[in-house]
Amino acid sequence: MSSAVQADSSAASLRDDIAHARRVVVKVGSSSLTTIDGGLDEAKLIALTDVIGAHRAAGHEVILVSSGAIAAGLEPMGLKKRPRDLASQQAAAGVGQGLLMAAYTRALGRFDLVPGQVLLSADDLIRRTRYKNAQRAIDKLLALGTLPIVNENDAVATEEIRFGDNDRLAALVAHLAHADALVLLSDVDALYSGPPDLPGSRLIDRVHGPSDLDEVAIGGVGTAGTGTGGMATKVDAAIMVADSGIPAVLTSAPQAASALAGEGVGTYFAVTHKRRGTRLLWLRHLARTFGTVTIDRGAETAVLSRGTSLLAAGVTACSGNFEAGDPVEIRNPDDEVIARGMTNFSSDELPLMFRSTTEELGTRLGNDYRKEVIHRNDLVLTQVSGGR
């Protein structure tokens, strides 16, 4: 693999926002913590904690999003490779998570740092109350001087509700924790225009927005073996946080110290948008929808052009099984997704309300129905036909 090309001093200076970040999220993948055979590699873990310990000593707050629980559980369970079935993955995670945290505890103890485990499921970032609980837990761990170590709760995660990879989780944690930067570490030193080992592939030093990636062959470049993410998931995560006011760097674990220092290693993703509201970001990028609400053309115009709430008068159909407070897709008459939102009514209640005015609903069903199906503060627009 090609080594990272050092950018010139003027390019490096543009990464001051990384070097000066008061609070940074660092994500490390399984491939950067495991041996070729798939077991936990404590030498790699110690090297990473050396960097984190030094960064903490320099006055920065660090939140570590760490993969590796399933990989750590393989050897003790007599498994030679990552299992394919969900039940075995859950079992390996149940065994490995404790071993992973024990290894971190030993390594961080050399810096008098105490790790605090935070296991999250996708449902923790879908439900508003649970989201707030996760946010408070991380904030309190930092306030007490501990180092939060976040991972998906693989021991209970299901295929239906899971992050799928820790890159996506890291991006959401960065926003949840109001971090100032995100550093994504893997076994690839940067984003390249093509497979890094092929002649002609060039290192992409900076990404100013998704359009910079139009001619970059991302698919298929990334980790293998014990990891679940590839380069595409890392790029998606970096773009996600950049779109919410947080700069990101994508590089390899051996270059973690240089990345945190703002040096010109890896690929830097520049901020493309001011910070978005927390609620709308997780609704846009995370929430698994539980159903669909179909609206007429007039409601589509009101939602898209005037930024209004969605009223029952414009709802023509619904599908799925959802409760009040669940995220749903909003589709136009052409069956195109135009928005996502948190519904105020269940899939059982909503059919009773189709095409009814607020006044009619109050008279017919009671005052509890004199409210929006989806309030505009709980609604985020997406790109037509699938969203962003």
Protein backbone atom coordinates (compact mmCIF):
# COMPACT_ATOMS: atom_id res chain seq x y z
CA MET A 1 0.00 0.00 0.00
CA SER A 2 1.22 3.50 -0.74
CA SER A 3 2.31 5.56 2.23
CA ALA A 4 0.51 8.81 3.00
CA VAL A 5 1.86 11.84 1.20
CA GLN A 6 2.66 14.68 3.57
CA ALA A 7 0.86 17.85 2.55
CA ASP A 8 2.75 21.13 2.46
CA SER A 9 2.76 23.45 5.47
CA SER A 10 -0.02 25.68 4.12
CA ALA A 11 -2.32 22.68 3.69
CA ALA A 12 -1.47 21.41 7.16
CA SER A 13 -2.31 24.78 8.67
CA LEU A 14 -5.84 24.39 7.35
CA ARG A 15 -6.24 21.53 9.82
CA ASP A 16 -5.86 23.72 12.88
CA ASP A 17 -9.47 22.91 13.72
CA ILE A 18 -8.37 19.30 14.29
CA ALA A 19 -5.27 20.21 16.30
CA HIS A 20 -7.17 22.68 18.49
CA ALA A 21 -10.30 20.58 18.95
CA ARG A 22 -11.24 20.68 22.62
CA ARG A 23 -13.29 17.50 22.35
CA VAL A 24 -12.52 14.88 19.71
CA VAL A 25 -14.08 11.55 18.83
CA VAL A 26 -11.61 8.88 17.72
CA LYS A 27 -12.95 5.77 16.01
CA VAL A 28 -10.83 2.66 15.60
CA GLY A 29 -11.85 -0.38 13.58
CA SER A 30 -11.44 -4.07 14.35
CA SER A 31 -8.70 -4.48 11.76
CA SER A 32 -6.55 -1.97 13.65
CA LEU A 33 -6.88 -3.88 16.93
CA THR A 34 -6.64 -7.51 15.88
CA THR A 35 -4.06 -10.01 14.66
CA ILE A 36 -4.10 -11.66 11.27
CA ASP A 37 -5.79 -14.64 12.90
CA GLY A 38 -8.53 -12.40 14.28
CA GLY A 39 -7.68 -12.23 17.99
CA LEU A 40 -7.15 -9.05 19.96
CA ASP A 41 -3.66 -7.58 19.42
CA GLU A 42 -2.72 -5.86 22.68
CA ALA A 43 0.39 -4.29 21.12
CA LYS A 44 -1.81 -2.40 18.67
CA LEU A 45 -4.20 -1.46 21.44
CA ILE A 46 -1.34 -0.18 23.61
CA ALA A 47 0.02 1.89 20.71
CA LEU A 48 -3.40 3.51 20.30
CA THR A 49 -3.77 4.23 24.01
CA ASP A 50 -0.29 5.82 24.01
CA VAL A 51 -1.61 8.37 21.50
CA ILE A 52 -4.86 8.90 23.38
CA GLY A 53 -3.08 9.27 26.71
CA ALA A 54 -0.72 11.88 25.28
CA HIS A 55 -3.62 13.79 23.71
CA ARG A 56 -5.51 13.78 27.00
CA ALA A 57 -2.38 14.98 28.82
CA ALA A 58 -2.20 17.88 26.36
CA GLY A 59 -5.59 19.09 27.56
CA HIS A 60 -8.00 17.57 25.05
CA GLU A 61 -11.10 15.52 25.79
CA VAL A 62 -11.28 12.21 23.91
CA ILE A 63 -14.19 9.88 23.26
CA LEU A 64 -13.12 6.55 21.79
CA VAL A 65 -15.49 4.60 19.57
CA SER A 66 -13.92 1.18 19.47
CA SER A 67 -14.76 -1.91 17.49
CA GLY A 68 -13.21 -5.23 18.45
CA ALA A 69 -15.65 -6.89 20.85
CA ILE A 70 -16.62 -9.69 18.49
CA ALA A 71 -13.01 -10.14 17.38
CA ALA A 72 -11.84 -10.34 21.01
CA GLY A 73 -14.37 -13.08 21.71
CA LEU A 74 -13.38 -15.36 18.84
CA GLU A 75 -10.33 -17.08 20.36
CA PRO A 76 -11.84 -17.74 23.82
CA MET A 77 -14.86 -19.29 22.10
CA GLY A 78 -12.72 -21.43 19.82
CA LEU A 79 -13.87 -19.65 16.65
CA LYS A 80 -11.36 -19.27 13.83
CA LYS A 81 -13.17 -16.45 12.02
CA ARG A 82 -15.99 -14.00 12.49
CA PRO A 83 -19.27 -15.97 12.46
CA ARG A 84 -21.91 -15.13 9.89
CA ASP A 85 -25.03 -15.83 11.93
CA LEU A 86 -26.35 -13.17 14.27
CA ALA A 87 -26.66 -15.40 17.35
CA SER A 88 -22.98 -16.40 17.21
CA GLN A 89 -21.95 -12.78 16.68
CA GLN A 90 -23.96 -11.78 19.73
CA ALA A 91 -22.35 -14.54 21.79
CA ALA A 92 -18.85 -13.54 20.67
CA ALA A 93 -19.59 -9.90 21.52
CA GLY A 94 -20.87 -10.90 24.95
CA VAL A 95 -17.58 -12.68 25.66
CA GLY A 96 -15.32 -10.20 23.91
CA GLN A 97 -16.66 -6.90 25.21
CA GLY A 98 -15.40 -7.59 28.72
CA LEU A 99 -12.01 -8.70 27.41
CA LEU A 100 -11.76 -5.59 25.25
CA MET A 101 -12.55 -3.28 28.16
CA ALA A 102 -10.12 -5.14 30.41
CA ALA A 103 -7.36 -4.60 27.84
CA TYR A 104 -8.20 -0.90 27.60
CA THR A 105 -8.28 -0.61 31.39
CA ARG A 106 -4.77 -2.07 31.68
CA ALA A 107 -3.36 0.07 28.89
CA LEU A 108 -4.97 3.34 30.00
CA GLY A 109 -3.96 2.73 33.61
CA ARG A 110 -0.42 3.71 32.65
CA PHE A 111 -1.77 7.24 32.17
CA ASP A 112 -4.00 7.15 35.26
CA LEU A 113 -7.00 7.14 32.93
CA VAL A 114 -10.14 5.20 33.78
CA PRO A 115 -12.28 4.05 30.83
CA GLY A 116 -16.05 4.19 31.01
CA GLN A 117 -18.00 1.77 28.86
CA VAL A 118 -20.96 3.08 26.85
CA LEU A 119 -22.84 0.47 24.83
CA LEU A 120 -25.42 1.91 22.43
CA SER A 121 -28.09 0.42 20.23
CA ALA A 122 -29.68 2.20 17.29
CA ASP A 123 -32.85 2.47 19.36
CA ASP A 124 -30.91 4.65 21.83
CA LEU A 125 -30.56 7.26 19.10
CA ILE A 126 -34.05 6.85 17.65
CA ARG A 127 -36.01 7.50 20.85
CA ARG A 128 -35.60 11.06 22.03
CA THR A 129 -35.57 10.26 25.75
CA ARG A 130 -32.98 7.53 25.32
CA TYR A 131 -30.91 9.82 23.09
CA LYS A 132 -30.83 12.39 25.87
CA ASN A 133 -29.81 9.68 28.36
CA ALA A 134 -26.88 8.66 26.16
CA GLN A 135 -25.87 12.29 25.80
CA ARG A 136 -25.95 12.86 29.56
CA ALA A 137 -23.97 9.66 30.23
CA ILE A 138 -21.12 10.68 27.93
CA ASP A 139 -21.06 14.25 29.21
CA LYS A 140 -20.91 13.03 32.82
CA LEU A 141 -18.12 10.56 32.10
CA LEU A 142 -16.06 13.36 30.58
CA ALA A 143 -16.86 15.73 33.45
CA LEU A 144 -15.60 13.09 35.91
CA GLY A 145 -12.32 12.77 34.03
CA THR A 146 -12.91 9.32 32.61
CA LEU A 147 -12.47 8.27 28.99
CA PRO A 148 -15.74 7.11 27.41
CA ILE A 149 -15.32 4.04 25.20
CA VAL A 150 -18.34 3.60 22.97
CA ASN A 151 -19.36 0.52 21.01
CA GLU A 152 -22.53 -0.83 19.51
CA ASN A 153 -24.26 -3.18 21.92
CA ASP A 154 -23.59 -6.15 19.67
CA ALA A 155 -24.65 -8.69 22.28
CA VAL A 156 -28.30 -7.65 21.89
CA ALA A 157 -28.33 -5.82 18.54
CA THR A 158 -30.59 -7.29 15.86
CA GLU A 159 -30.40 -7.09 12.11
CA GLU A 160 -33.54 -4.95 12.10
CA ILE A 161 -32.18 -2.31 14.48
CA ARG A 162 -28.44 -1.76 14.40
CA PHE A 163 -25.92 0.78 13.20
CA GLY A 164 -24.29 -1.76 10.91
CA ASP A 165 -20.81 -0.28 11.37
CA ASN A 166 -19.02 1.84 13.95
CA ASP A 167 -18.11 4.56 11.44
CA ARG A 168 -21.75 5.62 11.32
CA LEU A 169 -21.96 5.29 15.10
CA ALA A 170 -18.86 7.47 15.54
CA ALA A 171 -20.33 10.22 13.37
CA LEU A 172 -23.52 10.26 15.43
CA VAL A 173 -21.59 10.18 18.71
CA ALA A 174 -19.52 13.14 17.52
CA HIS A 175 -22.69 15.12 17.06
CA LEU A 176 -24.38 13.78 20.19
CA ALA A 177 -21.36 14.76 22.30
CA HIS A 178 -20.92 18.17 20.62
CA ALA A 179 -17.41 17.15 19.56
CA ASP A 180 -15.15 19.55 17.69
CA ALA A 181 -13.55 16.93 15.42
CA LEU A 182 -13.77 13.31 14.32
CA VAL A 183 -10.78 11.10 13.50
CA LEU A 184 -11.54 7.80 11.74
CA LEU A 185 -8.77 5.20 12.02
CA SER A 186 -8.49 1.99 10.01
CA ASP A 187 -5.89 -0.02 8.11
CA VAL A 188 -5.94 2.38 5.13
CA ASP A 189 -3.81 5.52 5.39
CA ALA A 190 -6.14 7.78 3.36
CA LEU A 191 -8.83 7.92 0.74
CA TYR A 192 -7.49 7.24 -2.74
CA SER A 193 -8.97 7.80 -6.18
CA GLY A 194 -8.91 4.02 -6.65
CA PRO A 195 -7.55 0.91 -4.92
CA PRO A 196 -4.36 2.13 -3.16
CA ASP A 197 -2.20 -0.69 -4.51
CA LEU A 198 -3.03 0.02 -8.15
CA PRO A 199 -0.76 2.26 -10.27
CA GLY A 200 -2.30 5.66 -10.93
CA SER A 201 -4.34 5.80 -7.72
CA ARG A 202 -3.76 9.14 -6.08
CA LEU A 203 -4.21 10.17 -2.47
CA ILE A 204 -7.13 12.55 -1.89
CA ASP A 205 -5.79 15.16 0.53
CA ARG A 206 -8.96 17.22 1.05
CA VAL A 207 -12.66 16.80 0.45
CA HIS A 208 -14.74 19.98 0.36
CA GLY A 209 -18.03 18.21 -0.30
CA PRO A 210 -19.65 15.15 -1.90
CA SER A 211 -19.01 16.52 -5.40
CA ASP A 212 -15.26 16.08 -4.82
CA LEU A 213 -15.88 12.34 -4.74
CA ASP A 214 -17.80 12.02 -8.01
CA GLU A 215 -14.90 10.30 -9.79
CA VAL A 216 -13.46 8.45 -6.80
CA ALA A 217 -13.88 4.66 -6.80
CA ILE A 218 -14.79 4.10 -3.16
CA GLY A 219 -16.54 0.76 -3.25
CA GLY A 220 -14.52 -2.27 -2.29
CA VAL A 221 -11.66 -0.35 -0.68
CA GLY A 222 -11.35 -1.05 3.02
CA THR A 223 -11.03 -3.64 5.70
CA ALA A 224 -11.65 -7.33 5.62
CA GLY A 225 -11.59 -10.24 8.05
CA THR A 226 -12.96 -9.22 11.44
CA GLY A 227 -14.20 -5.77 10.39
CA THR A 228 -17.63 -4.87 9.03
CA GLY A 229 -16.96 -1.48 7.49
CA GLY A 230 -15.22 -0.52 4.26
CA MET A 231 -14.02 2.76 2.84
CA ALA A 232 -17.53 3.70 1.75
CA THR A 233 -18.82 3.67 5.34
CA LYS A 234 -15.91 5.83 6.49
CA VAL A 235 -16.47 8.37 3.74
CA ASP A 236 -20.19 8.44 4.53
CA ALA A 237 -19.42 9.08 8.21
CA ALA A 238 -16.95 11.86 7.39
CA ILE A 239 -19.41 13.55 5.03
CA MET A 240 -22.16 13.22 7.63
CA VAL A 241 -20.24 15.11 10.32
CA ALA A 242 -18.83 17.67 7.86
CA ASP A 243 -22.42 18.39 6.87
CA SER A 244 -23.10 19.21 10.51
CA GLY A 245 -20.19 21.52 11.25
CA ILE A 246 -17.60 18.98 12.42
CA PRO A 247 -14.32 18.48 10.49
CA ALA A 248 -13.03 14.95 10.04
CA VAL A 249 -9.83 13.12 9.16
CA LEU A 250 -9.66 9.63 7.71
CA THR A 251 -6.33 7.83 8.11
CA SER A 252 -4.64 4.72 9.50
CA ALA A 253 -4.13 3.88 13.17
CA PRO A 254 -0.31 4.28 13.03
CA GLN A 255 -0.84 7.89 11.98
CA ALA A 256 -3.28 8.73 14.77
CA ALA A 257 -0.89 11.06 16.59
CA SER A 258 -0.14 13.02 13.42
CA ALA A 259 -3.83 13.27 12.57
CA LEU A 260 -4.73 14.60 16.03
CA ALA A 261 -1.88 17.11 15.77
CA GLY A 262 -3.41 18.53 12.60
CA GLU A 263 -0.59 17.34 10.38
CA GLY A 264 -1.20 16.70 6.69
CA VAL A 265 -1.82 12.97 6.86
CA GLY A 266 -4.78 11.02 5.53
CA THR A 267 -7.81 12.74 4.03
CA TYR A 268 -9.31 15.85 5.58
CA PHE A 269 -13.04 16.50 5.23
CA ALA A 270 -13.77 20.20 5.50
CA VAL A 271 -16.94 21.50 7.14
CA THR A 272 -19.68 22.05 4.56
CA HIS A 273 -22.53 23.28 6.74
CA LYS A 274 -23.08 24.86 10.13
CA ARG A 275 -24.07 22.60 12.98
CA ARG A 276 -27.52 21.15 12.51
CA GLY A 277 -30.01 20.54 15.25
CA THR A 278 -29.26 17.29 17.02
CA ARG A 279 -32.77 15.97 16.64
CA LEU A 280 -32.86 16.53 12.89
CA LEU A 281 -29.41 15.07 12.30
CA TRP A 282 -30.17 11.72 13.92
CA LEU A 283 -33.56 11.65 12.21
CA ARG A 284 -31.90 12.26 8.84
CA HIS A 285 -28.97 9.88 9.19
CA LEU A 286 -29.91 7.19 11.67
CA ALA A 287 -33.55 6.67 12.31
CA ARG A 288 -34.94 3.39 11.03
CA THR A 289 -38.42 4.24 9.87
CA PHE A 290 -41.28 2.13 11.14
CA GLY A 291 -43.75 2.97 8.40
CA THR A 292 -44.85 5.30 5.66
CA VAL A 293 -47.28 8.21 5.51
CA THR A 294 -48.49 9.15 2.03
CA ILE A 295 -49.65 12.70 1.36
CA ASP A 296 -51.42 14.54 -1.44
CA ARG A 297 -49.90 17.14 -3.73
CA GLY A 298 -51.11 20.10 -1.70
CA ALA A 299 -49.50 18.78 1.48
CA GLU A 300 -46.30 18.04 -0.46
CA THR A 301 -46.10 21.67 -1.59
CA ALA A 302 -46.79 22.94 1.92
CA VAL A 303 -44.11 20.73 3.48
CA LEU A 304 -41.44 21.29 0.83
CA SER A 305 -42.00 24.94 -0.10
CA ARG A 306 -43.52 26.54 2.97
CA GLY A 307 -41.91 24.51 5.74
CA THR A 308 -45.21 23.72 7.41
CA SER A 309 -46.22 20.89 9.70
CA LEU A 310 -48.02 17.92 8.20
CA LEU A 311 -51.75 17.97 8.93
CA ALA A 312 -54.20 15.09 8.67
CA ALA A 313 -56.08 16.90 5.88
CA GLY A 314 -53.22 16.15 3.52
CA VAL A 315 -52.68 12.50 4.50
CA THR A 316 -54.12 9.91 2.11
CA ALA A 317 -52.65 6.61 3.32
CA CYS A 318 -50.23 4.95 5.70
CA SER A 319 -48.44 1.62 5.97
CA GLY A 320 -46.33 -0.20 8.51
CA ASN A 321 -46.72 -0.70 12.24
CA PHE A 322 -45.75 2.38 14.25
CA GLU A 323 -46.56 4.09 17.51
CA ALA A 324 -46.74 7.77 18.39
CA GLY A 325 -43.18 9.10 18.47
CA ASP A 326 -41.82 6.64 15.90
CA PRO A 327 -39.94 7.88 12.81
CA VAL A 328 -41.79 7.43 9.52
CA GLU A 329 -41.14 8.22 5.88
CA ILE A 330 -43.31 10.80 4.16
CA ARG A 331 -44.06 9.94 0.54
CA ASN A 332 -45.69 12.06 -2.16
CA PRO A 333 -48.36 10.83 -4.63
CA ASP A 334 -45.56 9.52 -6.89
CA ASP A 335 -44.37 7.27 -4.02
CA GLU A 336 -41.16 9.30 -3.66
CA VAL A 337 -39.70 9.89 -0.19
CA ILE A 338 -39.66 13.64 0.44
CA ALA A 339 -39.13 13.75 4.22
CA ARG A 340 -38.85 11.87 7.49
CA GLY A 341 -40.61 12.78 10.66
CA MET A 342 -41.74 11.72 14.12
CA THR A 343 -45.44 10.98 14.02
CA ASN A 344 -47.82 12.07 16.77
CA PHE A 345 -50.21 9.21 16.02
CA SER A 346 -49.99 5.43 15.67
CA SER A 347 -50.70 3.40 12.55
CA ASP A 348 -53.98 2.34 14.18
CA GLU A 349 -55.13 5.93 14.80
CA LEU A 350 -54.05 7.55 11.58
CA PRO A 351 -56.53 5.86 9.17
CA LEU A 352 -59.36 7.41 11.18
CA MET A 353 -57.92 10.84 10.40
CA PHE A 354 -57.26 10.77 6.65
CA ARG A 355 -58.24 14.00 4.84
CA SER A 356 -59.86 15.46 7.97
CA THR A 357 -59.41 19.03 9.15
CA THR A 358 -58.24 19.79 12.67
CA GLU A 359 -61.71 21.06 13.55
CA GLU A 360 -63.38 17.91 12.23
CA LEU A 361 -60.98 15.71 14.18
CA GLY A 362 -61.65 17.57 17.40
CA THR A 363 -65.38 17.25 16.98
CA ARG A 364 -65.32 13.61 15.91
CA LEU A 365 -62.43 12.12 17.93
CA GLY A 366 -61.76 14.58 20.75
CA ASN A 367 -59.33 17.37 21.59
CA ASP A 368 -56.30 15.04 21.67
CA TYR A 369 -56.56 14.86 17.88
CA ARG A 370 -56.43 18.63 17.36
CA LYS A 371 -52.72 18.57 16.55
CA GLU A 372 -50.36 17.97 13.65
CA VAL A 373 -49.66 14.49 12.36
CA ILE A 374 -46.00 15.55 12.26
CA HIS A 375 -44.85 18.89 13.65
CA ARG A 376 -42.38 20.81 11.50
CA ASN A 377 -39.83 20.73 14.35
CA ASP A 378 -39.88 16.93 14.12
CA LEU A 379 -39.61 16.79 10.34
CA VAL A 380 -36.54 16.77 8.10
CA LEU A 381 -36.60 17.02 4.31
CA THR A 382 -34.73 14.45 2.24
CA GLN A 383 -33.77 14.19 -1.37
CA VAL A 384 -36.53 12.83 -3.57
CA SER A 385 -36.44 9.04 -3.99
CA GLY A 386 -34.56 7.90 -0.94
CA GLY A 387 -33.14 10.92 0.86
CA ARG A 388 -29.64 11.76 1.93
